[in-house]
Amino acid sequence: METISSMKYRQMIKQKYEQARIQSDNAEMERLGKYEDMVNHPPHYNKNGIETIDAIQAATDDGFEYYLQGNILKYLWRYRYKNGSEDLEKAQWYLNKLITITKEREEDDHVNIK
């Protein structure tokens, strides 16, 4: 029977191997000009030079923060069942966007939201 520490070690090695494989694949795709950033700039969300997120922000105005919150929850909810770490990165992207617009609003209003 393996000890917990050896099991963790095996898992850590497996994760490092997978990360190296992904980085290698991404580097090769980038070298070939075929790399697509599916978290920060998915190509299907940028048509005719307009990022979908910018169009949604313009269309929803004050509701944009709720939209961001909903997407954060969606990606956190499903990461174990669908896209794993990619969904966590997407949740993080939406959280970073929410932080950015909240800070901008705080600076504009010269107040902190409590």
PDB file of N, CA and C in Angstrom:
ATOM      1  N   MET A   1       0.837  -1.178   0.000  1.00  0.00           N
ATOM      2  CA  MET A   1       0.000   0.000   0.000  1.00  0.00           C
ATOM      3  C   MET A   1       0.886   1.246   0.000  1.00  0.00           C
ATOM      4  N   GLU A   2       0.560   2.192  -0.874  1.00  0.00           N
ATOM      5  CA  GLU A   2       1.346   3.413  -0.949  1.00  0.00           C
ATOM      6  C   GLU A   2       1.021   4.319   0.226  1.00  0.00           C
ATOM      7  N   THR A   3       2.026   5.049   0.657  1.00  0.00           N
ATOM      8  CA  THR A   3       1.760   6.028   1.704  1.00  0.00           C
ATOM      9  C   THR A   3       1.150   7.266   1.068  1.00  0.00           C
ATOM     10  N   ILE A   4       0.562   8.098   1.890  1.00  0.00           N
ATOM     11  CA  ILE A   4      -0.047   9.330   1.379  1.00  0.00           C
ATOM     12  C   ILE A   4       1.007  10.192   0.711  1.00  0.00           C
ATOM     13  N   SER A   5       2.192  10.286   1.291  1.00  0.00           N
ATOM     14  CA  SER A   5       3.222  11.152   0.718  1.00  0.00           C
ATOM     15  C   SER A   5       3.666  10.651  -0.653  1.00  0.00           C
ATOM     16  N   SER A   6       3.772   9.354  -0.847  1.00  0.00           N
ATOM     17  CA  SER A   6       4.176   8.857  -2.162  1.00  0.00           C
ATOM     18  C   SER A   6       3.055   9.030  -3.178  1.00  0.00           C
ATOM     19  N   MET A   7       1.798   8.928  -2.718  1.00  0.00           N
ATOM     20  CA  MET A   7       0.683   9.167  -3.616  1.00  0.00           C
ATOM     21  C   MET A   7       0.664  10.627  -4.050  1.00  0.00           C
ATOM     22  N   LYS A   8       0.891  11.533  -3.109  1.00  0.00           N
ATOM     23  CA  LYS A   8       0.939  12.950  -3.442  1.00  0.00           C
ATOM     24  C   LYS A   8       2.101  13.233  -4.387  1.00  0.00           C
ATOM     25  N   TYR A   9       3.230  12.576  -4.139  1.00  0.00           N
ATOM     26  CA  TYR A   9       4.388  12.767  -5.000  1.00  0.00           C
ATOM     27  C   TYR A   9       4.079  12.311  -6.428  1.00  0.00           C
ATOM     28  N   ARG A  10       3.452  11.164  -6.573  1.00  0.00           N
ATOM     29  CA  ARG A  10       3.079  10.667  -7.898  1.00  0.00           C
ATOM     30  C   ARG A  10       2.116  11.635  -8.594  1.00  0.00           C
ATOM     31  N   GLN A  11       1.163  12.148  -7.834  1.00  0.00           N
ATOM     32  CA  GLN A  11       0.200  13.091  -8.395  1.00  0.00           C
ATOM     33  C   GLN A  11       0.910  14.375  -8.833  1.00  0.00           C
ATOM     34  N   MET A  12       1.843  14.847  -8.014  1.00  0.00           N
ATOM     35  CA  MET A  12       2.591  16.054  -8.350  1.00  0.00           C
ATOM     36  C   MET A  12       3.408  15.851  -9.629  1.00  0.00           C
ATOM     37  N   ILE A  13       4.065  14.719  -9.760  1.00  0.00           N
ATOM     38  CA  ILE A  13       4.850  14.417 -10.956  1.00  0.00           C
ATOM     39  C   ILE A  13       3.945  14.346 -12.178  1.00  0.00           C
ATOM     40  N   LYS A  14       2.792  13.709 -12.025  1.00  0.00           N
ATOM     41  CA  LYS A  14       1.839  13.613 -13.134  1.00  0.00           C
ATOM     42  C   LYS A  14       1.383  15.002 -13.568  1.00  0.00           C
ATOM     43  N   GLN A  15       1.087  15.883 -12.607  1.00  0.00           N
ATOM     44  CA  GLN A  15       0.652  17.238 -12.929  1.00  0.00           C
ATOM     45  C   GLN A  15       1.759  18.016 -13.632  1.00  0.00           C
ATOM     46  N   LYS A  16       2.984  17.897 -13.152  1.00  0.00           N
ATOM     47  CA  LYS A  16       4.114  18.598 -13.778  1.00  0.00           C
ATOM     48  C   LYS A  16       4.336  18.092 -15.205  1.00  0.00           C
ATOM     49  N   TYR A  17       4.202  16.794 -15.409  1.00  0.00           N
ATOM     50  CA  TYR A  17       4.340  16.232 -16.744  1.00  0.00           C
ATOM     51  C   TYR A  17       3.263  16.791 -17.668  1.00  0.00           C
ATOM     52  N   GLU A  18       2.030  16.843 -17.173  1.00  0.00           N
ATOM     53  CA  GLU A  18       0.922  17.352 -17.977  1.00  0.00           C
ATOM     54  C   GLU A  18       1.128  18.837 -18.303  1.00  0.00           C
ATOM     55  N   GLN A  19       1.583  19.618 -17.320  1.00  0.00           N
ATOM     56  CA  GLN A  19       1.853  21.038 -17.569  1.00  0.00           C
ATOM     57  C   GLN A  19       2.938  21.212 -18.628  1.00  0.00           C
ATOM     58  N   ALA A  20       3.988  20.417 -18.542  1.00  0.00           N
ATOM     59  CA  ALA A  20       5.071  20.497 -19.522  1.00  0.00           C
ATOM     60  C   ALA A  20       4.573  20.122 -20.911  1.00  0.00           C
ATOM     61  N   ARG A  21       3.705  19.102 -20.988  1.00  0.00           N
ATOM     62  CA  ARG A  21       3.152  18.698 -22.273  1.00  0.00           C
ATOM     63  C   ARG A  21       2.300  19.809 -22.862  1.00  0.00           C
ATOM     64  N   ILE A  22       1.456  20.412 -22.039  1.00  0.00           N
ATOM     65  CA  ILE A  22       0.594  21.492 -22.511  1.00  0.00           C
ATOM     66  C   ILE A  22       1.433  22.673 -22.973  1.00  0.00           C
ATOM     67  N   GLN A  23       2.445  23.050 -22.179  1.00  0.00           N
ATOM     68  CA  GLN A  23       3.307  24.173 -22.562  1.00  0.00           C
ATOM     69  C   GLN A  23       4.033  23.874 -23.861  1.00  0.00           C
ATOM     70  N   SER A  24       4.472  22.644 -24.020  1.00  0.00           N
ATOM     71  CA  SER A  24       5.154  22.247 -25.251  1.00  0.00           C
ATOM     72  C   SER A  24       4.205  22.324 -26.433  1.00  0.00           C
ATOM     73  N   ASP A  25       2.971  21.817 -26.255  1.00  0.00           N
ATOM     74  CA  ASP A  25       1.973  21.882 -27.317  1.00  0.00           C
ATOM     75  C   ASP A  25       1.654  23.329 -27.681  1.00  0.00           C
ATOM     76  N   ASN A  26       1.473  24.189 -26.654  1.00  0.00           N
ATOM     77  CA  ASN A  26       1.161  25.589 -26.899  1.00  0.00           C
ATOM     78  C   ASN A  26       2.306  26.288 -27.620  1.00  0.00           C
ATOM     79  N   ALA A  27       3.550  25.988 -27.219  1.00  0.00           N
ATOM     80  CA  ALA A  27       4.714  26.605 -27.859  1.00  0.00           C
ATOM     81  C   ALA A  27       4.789  26.197 -29.331  1.00  0.00           C
ATOM     82  N   GLU A  28       4.519  24.936 -29.607  1.00  0.00           N
ATOM     83  CA  GLU A  28       4.543  24.462 -30.998  1.00  0.00           C
ATOM     84  C   GLU A  28       3.423  25.114 -31.803  1.00  0.00           C
ATOM     85  N   MET A  29       2.239  25.200 -31.228  1.00  0.00           N
ATOM     86  CA  MET A  29       1.127  25.829 -31.933  1.00  0.00           C
ATOM     87  C   MET A  29       1.408  27.315 -32.166  1.00  0.00           C
ATOM     88  N   GLU A  30       2.009  27.974 -31.162  1.00  0.00           N
ATOM     89  CA  GLU A  30       2.337  29.388 -31.304  1.00  0.00           C
ATOM     90  C   GLU A  30       3.382  29.566 -32.410  1.00  0.00           C
ATOM     91  N   ARG A  31       4.368  28.662 -32.450  1.00  0.00           N
ATOM     92  CA  ARG A  31       5.404  28.724 -33.485  1.00  0.00           C
ATOM     93  C   ARG A  31       4.782  28.585 -34.872  1.00  0.00           C
ATOM     94  N   LEU A  32       3.769  27.765 -34.973  1.00  0.00           N
ATOM     95  CA  LEU A  32       3.102  27.560 -36.251  1.00  0.00           C
ATOM     96  C   LEU A  32       2.036  28.626 -36.529  1.00  0.00           C
ATOM     97  N   GLY A  33       1.836  29.537 -35.584  1.00  0.00           N
ATOM     98  CA  GLY A  33       0.856  30.590 -35.764  1.00  0.00           C
ATOM     99  C   GLY A  33      -0.577  30.136 -35.557  1.00  0.00           C
ATOM    100  N   LYS A  34      -0.766  29.040 -34.844  1.00  0.00           N
ATOM    101  CA  LYS A  34      -2.106  28.480 -34.662  1.00  0.00           C
ATOM    102  C   LYS A  34      -2.564  28.505 -33.210  1.00  0.00           C
ATOM    103  N   TYR A  35      -1.837  29.225 -32.364  1.00  0.00           N
ATOM    104  CA  TYR A  35      -2.195  29.232 -30.949  1.00  0.00           C
ATOM    105  C   TYR A  35      -3.420  30.097 -30.722  1.00  0.00           C
ATOM    106  N   GLU A  36      -4.393  29.574 -30.007  1.00  0.00           N
ATOM    107  CA  GLU A  36      -5.598  30.314 -29.659  1.00  0.00           C
ATOM    108  C   GLU A  36      -5.718  30.352 -28.146  1.00  0.00           C
ATOM    109  N   ASP A  37      -5.843  31.539 -27.596  1.00  0.00           N
ATOM    110  CA  ASP A  37      -5.993  31.712 -26.162  1.00  0.00           C
ATOM    111  C   ASP A  37      -7.467  31.599 -25.822  1.00  0.00           C
ATOM    112  N   MET A  38      -7.862  30.424 -25.364  1.00  0.00           N
ATOM    113  CA  MET A  38      -9.274  30.139 -25.125  1.00  0.00           C
ATOM    114  C   MET A  38      -9.794  30.747 -23.823  1.00  0.00           C
ATOM    115  N   VAL A  39      -8.910  31.352 -23.023  1.00  0.00           N
ATOM    116  CA  VAL A  39      -9.346  31.987 -21.786  1.00  0.00           C
ATOM    117  C   VAL A  39      -9.455  33.494 -21.962  1.00  0.00           C
ATOM    118  N   ASN A  40      -8.400  34.138 -22.418  1.00  0.00           N
ATOM    119  CA  ASN A  40      -8.369  35.593 -22.496  1.00  0.00           C
ATOM    120  C   ASN A  40      -8.946  36.159 -23.790  1.00  0.00           C
ATOM    121  N   HIS A  41      -8.762  35.470 -24.891  1.00  0.00           N
ATOM    122  CA  HIS A  41      -9.257  35.967 -26.182  1.00  0.00           C
ATOM    123  C   HIS A  41      -9.712  34.824 -27.086  1.00  0.00           C
ATOM    124  N   PRO A  42     -10.786  34.133 -26.716  1.00  0.00           N
ATOM    125  CA  PRO A  42     -11.256  33.053 -27.585  1.00  0.00           C
ATOM    126  C   PRO A  42     -11.676  33.634 -28.938  1.00  0.00           C
ATOM    127  N   PRO A  43     -11.219  33.045 -30.018  1.00  0.00           N
ATOM    128  CA  PRO A  43     -11.499  33.617 -31.339  1.00  0.00           C
ATOM    129  C   PRO A  43     -12.990  33.714 -31.651  1.00  0.00           C
ATOM    130  N   HIS A  44     -13.801  32.817 -31.112  1.00  0.00           N
ATOM    131  CA  HIS A  44     -15.238  32.858 -31.390  1.00  0.00           C
ATOM    132  C   HIS A  44     -15.943  33.993 -30.643  1.00  0.00           C
ATOM    133  N   TYR A  45     -15.235  34.718 -29.776  1.00  0.00           N
ATOM    134  CA  TYR A  45     -15.804  35.877 -29.089  1.00  0.00           C
ATOM    135  C   TYR A  45     -15.236  37.191 -29.608  1.00  0.00           C
ATOM    136  N   ASN A  46     -14.615  37.159 -30.757  1.00  0.00           N
ATOM    137  CA  ASN A  46     -14.045  38.378 -31.331  1.00  0.00           C
ATOM    138  C   ASN A  46     -14.262  38.346 -32.837  1.00  0.00           C
ATOM    139  N   LYS A  47     -15.358  38.896 -33.256  1.00  0.00           N
ATOM    140  CA  LYS A  47     -15.688  38.939 -34.676  1.00  0.00           C
ATOM    141  C   LYS A  47     -15.755  40.381 -35.128  1.00  0.00           C
ATOM    142  N   ASN A  48     -15.243  40.631 -36.302  1.00  0.00           N
ATOM    143  CA  ASN A  48     -15.252  41.971 -36.885  1.00  0.00           C
ATOM    144  C   ASN A  48     -14.615  43.015 -35.981  1.00  0.00           C
ATOM    145  N   GLY A  49     -13.602  42.602 -35.192  1.00  0.00           N
ATOM    146  CA  GLY A  49     -12.849  43.535 -34.369  1.00  0.00           C
ATOM    147  C   GLY A  49     -13.533  43.955 -33.085  1.00  0.00           C
ATOM    148  N   ILE A  50     -14.643  43.336 -32.736  1.00  0.00           N
ATOM    149  CA  ILE A  50     -15.359  43.700 -31.510  1.00  0.00           C
ATOM    150  C   ILE A  50     -15.339  42.501 -30.567  1.00  0.00           C
ATOM    151  N   GLU A  51     -14.782  42.717 -29.372  1.00  0.00           N
ATOM    152  CA  GLU A  51     -14.811  41.677 -28.354  1.00  0.00           C
ATOM    153  C   GLU A  51     -16.231  41.596 -27.799  1.00  0.00           C
ATOM    154  N   THR A  52     -16.760  40.409 -27.687  1.00  0.00           N
ATOM    155  CA  THR A  52     -18.112  40.215 -27.186  1.00  0.00           C
ATOM    156  C   THR A  52     -18.283  40.829 -25.800  1.00  0.00           C
ATOM    157  N   ILE A  53     -17.271  40.705 -24.945  1.00  0.00           N
ATOM    158  CA  ILE A  53     -17.379  41.236 -23.589  1.00  0.00           C
ATOM    159  C   ILE A  53     -17.607  42.746 -23.607  1.00  0.00           C
ATOM    160  N   ASP A  54     -16.983  43.447 -24.563  1.00  0.00           N
ATOM    161  CA  ASP A  54     -17.176  44.895 -24.665  1.00  0.00           C
ATOM    162  C   ASP A  54     -18.590  45.228 -25.124  1.00  0.00           C
ATOM    163  N   ALA A  55     -19.128  44.446 -26.042  1.00  0.00           N
ATOM    164  CA  ALA A  55     -20.502  44.659 -26.504  1.00  0.00           C
ATOM    165  C   ALA A  55     -21.489  44.399 -25.369  1.00  0.00           C
ATOM    166  N   ILE A  56     -21.241  43.359 -24.588  1.00  0.00           N
ATOM    167  CA  ILE A  56     -22.126  43.047 -23.457  1.00  0.00           C
ATOM    168  C   ILE A  56     -22.073  44.159 -22.421  1.00  0.00           C
ATOM    169  N   GLN A  57     -20.883  44.677 -22.148  1.00  0.00           N
ATOM    170  CA  GLN A  57     -20.759  45.769 -21.181  1.00  0.00           C
ATOM    171  C   GLN A  57     -21.532  46.999 -21.653  1.00  0.00           C
ATOM    172  N   ALA A  58     -21.415  47.320 -22.928  1.00  0.00           N
ATOM    173  CA  ALA A  58     -22.130  48.475 -23.467  1.00  0.00           C
ATOM    174  C   ALA A  58     -23.644  48.270 -23.406  1.00  0.00           C
ATOM    175  N   ALA A  59     -24.088  47.044 -23.661  1.00  0.00           N
ATOM    176  CA  ALA A  59     -25.527  46.765 -23.711  1.00  0.00           C
ATOM    177  C   ALA A  59     -26.167  46.659 -22.329  1.00  0.00           C
ATOM    178  N   THR A  60     -25.403  46.217 -21.332  1.00  0.00           N
ATOM    179  CA  THR A  60     -25.994  45.957 -20.020  1.00  0.00           C
ATOM    180  C   THR A  60     -25.798  47.083 -19.023  1.00  0.00           C
ATOM    181  N   ASP A  61     -24.861  47.998 -19.283  1.00  0.00           N
ATOM    182  CA  ASP A  61     -24.610  49.158 -18.425  1.00  0.00           C
ATOM    183  C   ASP A  61     -24.409  48.718 -16.986  1.00  0.00           C
ATOM    184  N   ASP A  62     -25.283  49.129 -16.066  1.00  0.00           N
ATOM    185  CA  ASP A  62     -25.114  48.802 -14.648  1.00  0.00           C
ATOM    186  C   ASP A  62     -25.273  47.305 -14.361  1.00  0.00           C
ATOM    187  N   GLY A  63     -25.941  46.581 -15.222  1.00  0.00           N
ATOM    188  CA  GLY A  63     -26.124  45.145 -15.033  1.00  0.00           C
ATOM    189  C   GLY A  63     -24.894  44.327 -15.368  1.00  0.00           C
ATOM    190  N   PHE A  64     -23.866  44.972 -15.890  1.00  0.00           N
ATOM    191  CA  PHE A  64     -22.656  44.256 -16.304  1.00  0.00           C
ATOM    192  C   PHE A  64     -21.996  43.534 -15.136  1.00  0.00           C
ATOM    193  N   GLU A  65     -21.991  44.144 -13.959  1.00  0.00           N
ATOM    194  CA  GLU A  65     -21.374  43.495 -12.801  1.00  0.00           C
ATOM    195  C   GLU A  65     -22.101  42.197 -12.450  1.00  0.00           C
ATOM    196  N   TYR A  66     -23.428  42.206 -12.583  1.00  0.00           N
ATOM    197  CA  TYR A  66     -24.195  40.991 -12.312  1.00  0.00           C
ATOM    198  C   TYR A  66     -23.889  39.909 -13.349  1.00  0.00           C
ATOM    199  N   TYR A  67     -23.700  40.337 -14.584  1.00  0.00           N
ATOM    200  CA  TYR A  67     -23.313  39.406 -15.639  1.00  0.00           C
ATOM    201  C   TYR A  67     -21.983  38.739 -15.286  1.00  0.00           C
ATOM    202  N   LEU A  68     -21.021  39.549 -14.841  1.00  0.00           N
ATOM    203  CA  LEU A  68     -19.710  39.009 -14.462  1.00  0.00           C
ATOM    204  C   LEU A  68     -19.844  38.039 -13.295  1.00  0.00           C
ATOM    205  N   GLN A  69     -20.640  38.408 -12.288  1.00  0.00           N
ATOM    206  CA  GLN A  69     -20.847  37.527 -11.137  1.00  0.00           C
ATOM    207  C   GLN A  69     -21.449  36.192 -11.578  1.00  0.00           C
ATOM    208  N   GLY A  70     -22.409  36.254 -12.484  1.00  0.00           N
ATOM    209  CA  GLY A  70     -23.036  35.030 -12.974  1.00  0.00           C
ATOM    210  C   GLY A  70     -22.046  34.117 -13.668  1.00  0.00           C
ATOM    211  N   ASN A  71     -21.159  34.695 -14.469  1.00  0.00           N
ATOM    212  CA  ASN A  71     -20.167  33.869 -15.164  1.00  0.00           C
ATOM    213  C   ASN A  71     -19.136  33.303 -14.206  1.00  0.00           C
ATOM    214  N   ILE A  72     -18.762  34.066 -13.185  1.00  0.00           N
ATOM    215  CA  ILE A  72     -17.845  33.543 -12.167  1.00  0.00           C
ATOM    216  C   ILE A  72     -18.459  32.298 -11.529  1.00  0.00           C
ATOM    217  N   LEU A  73     -19.724  32.411 -11.132  1.00  0.00           N
ATOM    218  CA  LEU A  73     -20.407  31.267 -10.506  1.00  0.00           C
ATOM    219  C   LEU A  73     -20.520  30.089 -11.461  1.00  0.00           C
ATOM    220  N   LYS A  74     -20.856  30.373 -12.721  1.00  0.00           N
ATOM    221  CA  LYS A  74     -21.016  29.301 -13.714  1.00  0.00           C
ATOM    222  C   LYS A  74     -19.727  28.498 -13.856  1.00  0.00           C
ATOM    223  N   TYR A  75     -18.604  29.190 -14.042  1.00  0.00           N
ATOM    224  CA  TYR A  75     -17.356  28.471 -14.268  1.00  0.00           C
ATOM    225  C   TYR A  75     -16.852  27.768 -13.016  1.00  0.00           C
ATOM    226  N   LEU A  76     -17.097  28.351 -11.839  1.00  0.00           N
ATOM    227  CA  LEU A  76     -16.726  27.657 -10.605  1.00  0.00           C
ATOM    228  C   LEU A  76     -17.586  26.415 -10.400  1.00  0.00           C
ATOM    229  N   TRP A  77     -18.853  26.519 -10.744  1.00  0.00           N
ATOM    230  CA  TRP A  77     -19.791  25.414 -10.544  1.00  0.00           C
ATOM    231  C   TRP A  77     -19.433  24.205 -11.404  1.00  0.00           C
ATOM    232  N   ARG A  78     -19.015  24.449 -12.645  1.00  0.00           N
ATOM    233  CA  ARG A  78     -18.879  23.342 -13.589  1.00  0.00           C
ATOM    234  C   ARG A  78     -17.464  22.817 -13.799  1.00  0.00           C
ATOM    235  N   TYR A  79     -16.440  23.460 -13.207  1.00  0.00           N
ATOM    236  CA  TYR A  79     -15.068  23.101 -13.548  1.00  0.00           C
ATOM    237  C   TYR A  79     -14.745  21.621 -13.335  1.00  0.00           C
ATOM    238  N   ARG A  80     -15.339  20.995 -12.339  1.00  0.00           N
ATOM    239  CA  ARG A  80     -15.046  19.577 -12.076  1.00  0.00           C
ATOM    240  C   ARG A  80     -15.685  18.656 -13.107  1.00  0.00           C
ATOM    241  N   TYR A  81     -16.691  19.144 -13.804  1.00  0.00           N
ATOM    242  CA  TYR A  81     -17.465  18.282 -14.694  1.00  0.00           C
ATOM    243  C   TYR A  81     -17.231  18.564 -16.169  1.00  0.00           C
ATOM    244  N   LYS A  82     -16.583  19.693 -16.477  1.00  0.00           N
ATOM    245  CA  LYS A  82     -16.465  20.025 -17.886  1.00  0.00           C
ATOM    246  C   LYS A  82     -15.021  20.261 -18.312  1.00  0.00           C
ATOM    247  N   ASN A  83     -14.478  21.445 -18.026  1.00  0.00           N
ATOM    248  CA  ASN A  83     -13.167  21.804 -18.579  1.00  0.00           C
ATOM    249  C   ASN A  83     -12.061  21.971 -17.553  1.00  0.00           C
ATOM    250  N   GLY A  84     -12.267  21.539 -16.330  1.00  0.00           N
ATOM    251  CA  GLY A  84     -11.222  21.563 -15.313  1.00  0.00           C
ATOM    252  C   GLY A  84     -10.584  22.932 -15.115  1.00  0.00           C
ATOM    253  N   SER A  85      -9.260  22.957 -15.171  1.00  0.00           N
ATOM    254  CA  SER A  85      -8.522  24.186 -14.870  1.00  0.00           C
ATOM    255  C   SER A  85      -8.843  25.313 -15.845  1.00  0.00           C
ATOM    256  N   GLU A  86      -9.216  24.984 -17.074  1.00  0.00           N
ATOM    257  CA  GLU A  86      -9.582  26.044 -18.024  1.00  0.00           C
ATOM    258  C   GLU A  86     -10.803  26.816 -17.521  1.00  0.00           C
ATOM    259  N   ASP A  87     -11.773  26.129 -16.951  1.00  0.00           N
ATOM    260  CA  ASP A  87     -12.938  26.808 -16.392  1.00  0.00           C
ATOM    261  C   ASP A  87     -12.552  27.656 -15.178  1.00  0.00           C
ATOM    262  N   LEU A  88     -11.614  27.175 -14.360  1.00  0.00           N
ATOM    263  CA  LEU A  88     -11.146  27.982 -13.234  1.00  0.00           C
ATOM    264  C   LEU A  88     -10.436  29.237 -13.728  1.00  0.00           C
ATOM    265  N   GLU A  89      -9.687  29.114 -14.807  1.00  0.00           N
ATOM    266  CA  GLU A  89      -9.022  30.284 -15.377  1.00  0.00           C
ATOM    267  C   GLU A  89     -10.053  31.273 -15.926  1.00  0.00           C
ATOM    268  N   LYS A  90     -11.126  30.761 -16.501  1.00  0.00           N
ATOM    269  CA  LYS A  90     -12.186  31.642 -16.997  1.00  0.00           C
ATOM    270  C   LYS A  90     -12.876  32.347 -15.837  1.00  0.00           C
ATOM    271  N   ALA A  91     -13.144  31.627 -14.748  1.00  0.00           N
ATOM    272  CA  ALA A  91     -13.733  32.259 -13.563  1.00  0.00           C
ATOM    273  C   ALA A  91     -12.817  33.359 -13.044  1.00  0.00           C
ATOM    274  N   GLN A  92     -11.529  33.065 -13.047  1.00  0.00           N
ATOM    275  CA  GLN A  92     -10.552  34.054 -12.603  1.00  0.00           C
ATOM    276  C   GLN A  92     -10.540  35.261 -13.536  1.00  0.00           C
ATOM    277  N   TRP A  93     -10.680  35.038 -14.838  1.00  0.00           N
ATOM    278  CA  TRP A  93     -10.708  36.133 -15.805  1.00  0.00           C
ATOM    279  C   TRP A  93     -11.886  37.059 -15.511  1.00  0.00           C
ATOM    280  N   TYR A  94     -13.071  36.464 -15.295  1.00  0.00           N
ATOM    281  CA  TYR A  94     -14.252  37.266 -15.001  1.00  0.00           C
ATOM    282  C   TYR A  94     -14.118  37.984 -13.657  1.00  0.00           C
ATOM    283  N   LEU A  95     -13.496  37.334 -12.676  1.00  0.00           N
ATOM    284  CA  LEU A  95     -13.274  37.986 -11.386  1.00  0.00           C
ATOM    285  C   LEU A  95     -12.320  39.167 -11.551  1.00  0.00           C
ATOM    286  N   ASN A  96     -11.253  38.985 -12.306  1.00  0.00           N
ATOM    287  CA  ASN A  96     -10.316  40.088 -12.552  1.00  0.00           C
ATOM    288  C   ASN A  96     -11.009  41.252 -13.244  1.00  0.00           C
ATOM    289  N   LYS A  97     -11.893  40.952 -14.191  1.00  0.00           N
ATOM    290  CA  LYS A  97     -12.646  41.997 -14.887  1.00  0.00           C
ATOM    291  C   LYS A  97     -13.545  42.733 -13.898  1.00  0.00           C
ATOM    292  N   LEU A  98     -14.210  41.993 -13.013  1.00  0.00           N
ATOM    293  CA  LEU A  98     -15.074  42.604 -12.008  1.00  0.00           C
ATOM    294  C   LEU A  98     -14.266  43.490 -11.060  1.00  0.00           C
ATOM    295  N   ILE A  99     -13.101  43.029 -10.657  1.00  0.00           N
ATOM    296  CA  ILE A  99     -12.229  43.830  -9.784  1.00  0.00           C
ATOM    297  C   ILE A  99     -11.823  45.114 -10.493  1.00  0.00           C
ATOM    298  N   THR A 100     -11.452  45.014 -11.759  1.00  0.00           N
ATOM    299  CA  THR A 100     -11.021  46.184 -12.518  1.00  0.00           C
ATOM    300  C   THR A 100     -12.123  47.228 -12.617  1.00  0.00           C
ATOM    301  N   ILE A 101     -13.322  46.813 -12.998  1.00  0.00           N
ATOM    302  CA  ILE A 101     -14.383  47.818 -13.158  1.00  0.00           C
ATOM    303  C   ILE A 101     -14.837  48.368 -11.807  1.00  0.00           C
ATOM    304  N   THR A 102     -14.753  47.564 -10.743  1.00  0.00           N
ATOM    305  CA  THR A 102     -15.105  48.051  -9.406  1.00  0.00           C
ATOM    306  C   THR A 102     -14.096  49.102  -8.954  1.00  0.00           C
ATOM    307  N   LYS A 103     -12.814  48.848  -9.182  1.00  0.00           N
ATOM    308  CA  LYS A 103     -11.788  49.831  -8.823  1.00  0.00           C
ATOM    309  C   LYS A 103     -11.960  51.117  -9.627  1.00  0.00           C
ATOM    310  N   GLU A 104     -12.277  50.996 -10.916  1.00  0.00           N
ATOM    311  CA  GLU A 104     -12.495  52.184 -11.736  1.00  0.00           C
ATOM    312  C   GLU A 104     -13.660  53.009 -11.201  1.00  0.00           C
ATOM    313  N   ARG A 105     -14.739  52.316 -10.829  1.00  0.00           N
ATOM    314  CA  ARG A 105     -15.905  53.008 -10.286  1.00  0.00           C
ATOM    315  C   ARG A 105     -15.573  53.672  -8.960  1.00  0.00           C
ATOM    316  N   GLU A 106     -14.817  52.983  -8.117  1.00  0.00           N
ATOM    317  CA  GLU A 106     -14.415  53.558  -6.835  1.00  0.00           C
ATOM    318  C   GLU A 106     -13.569  54.812  -7.044  1.00  0.00           C
ATOM    319  N   GLU A 107     -12.656  54.760  -8.006  1.00  0.00           N
ATOM    320  CA  GLU A 107     -11.820  55.924  -8.295  1.00  0.00           C
ATOM    321  C   GLU A 107     -12.658  57.079  -8.830  1.00  0.00           C
ATOM    322  N   ASP A 108     -13.618  56.774  -9.696  1.00  0.00           N
ATOM    323  CA  ASP A 108     -14.481  57.808 -10.254  1.00  0.00           C
ATOM    324  C   ASP A 108     -15.346  58.451  -9.171  1.00  0.00           C
ATOM    325  N   ASP A 109     -15.826  57.626  -8.244  1.00  0.00           N
ATOM    326  CA  ASP A 109     -16.710  58.118  -7.185  1.00  0.00           C
ATOM    327  C   ASP A 109     -15.942  58.605  -5.967  1.00  0.00           C
ATOM    328  N   HIS A 110     -14.632  58.298  -5.937  1.00  0.00           N
ATOM    329  CA  HIS A 110     -13.774  58.632  -4.798  1.00  0.00           C
ATOM    330  C   HIS A 110     -14.283  58.013  -3.492  1.00  0.00           C
ATOM    331  N   VAL A 111     -14.832  56.822  -3.597  1.00  0.00           N
ATOM    332  CA  VAL A 111     -15.311  56.107  -2.421  1.00  0.00           C
ATOM    333  C   VAL A 111     -14.956  54.636  -2.555  1.00  0.00           C
ATOM    334  N   ASN A 112     -15.000  53.953  -1.464  1.00  0.00           N
ATOM    335  CA  ASN A 112     -14.856  52.495  -1.462  1.00  0.00           C
ATOM    336  C   ASN A 112     -16.232  51.891  -1.283  1.00  0.00           C
ATOM    337  N   ILE A 113     -16.487  50.811  -1.986  1.00  0.00           N
ATOM    338  CA  ILE A 113     -17.758  50.109  -1.845  1.00  0.00           C
ATOM    339  C   ILE A 113     -17.652  49.223  -0.618  1.00  0.00           C
ATOM    340  N   LYS A 114     -18.616  49.335   0.233  1.00  0.00           N
ATOM    341  CA  LYS A 114     -18.603  48.523   1.465  1.00  0.00           C
ATOM    342  C   LYS A 114     -19.744  47.566   1.437  1.00  0.00           C
TER     343      LYS A 114
END
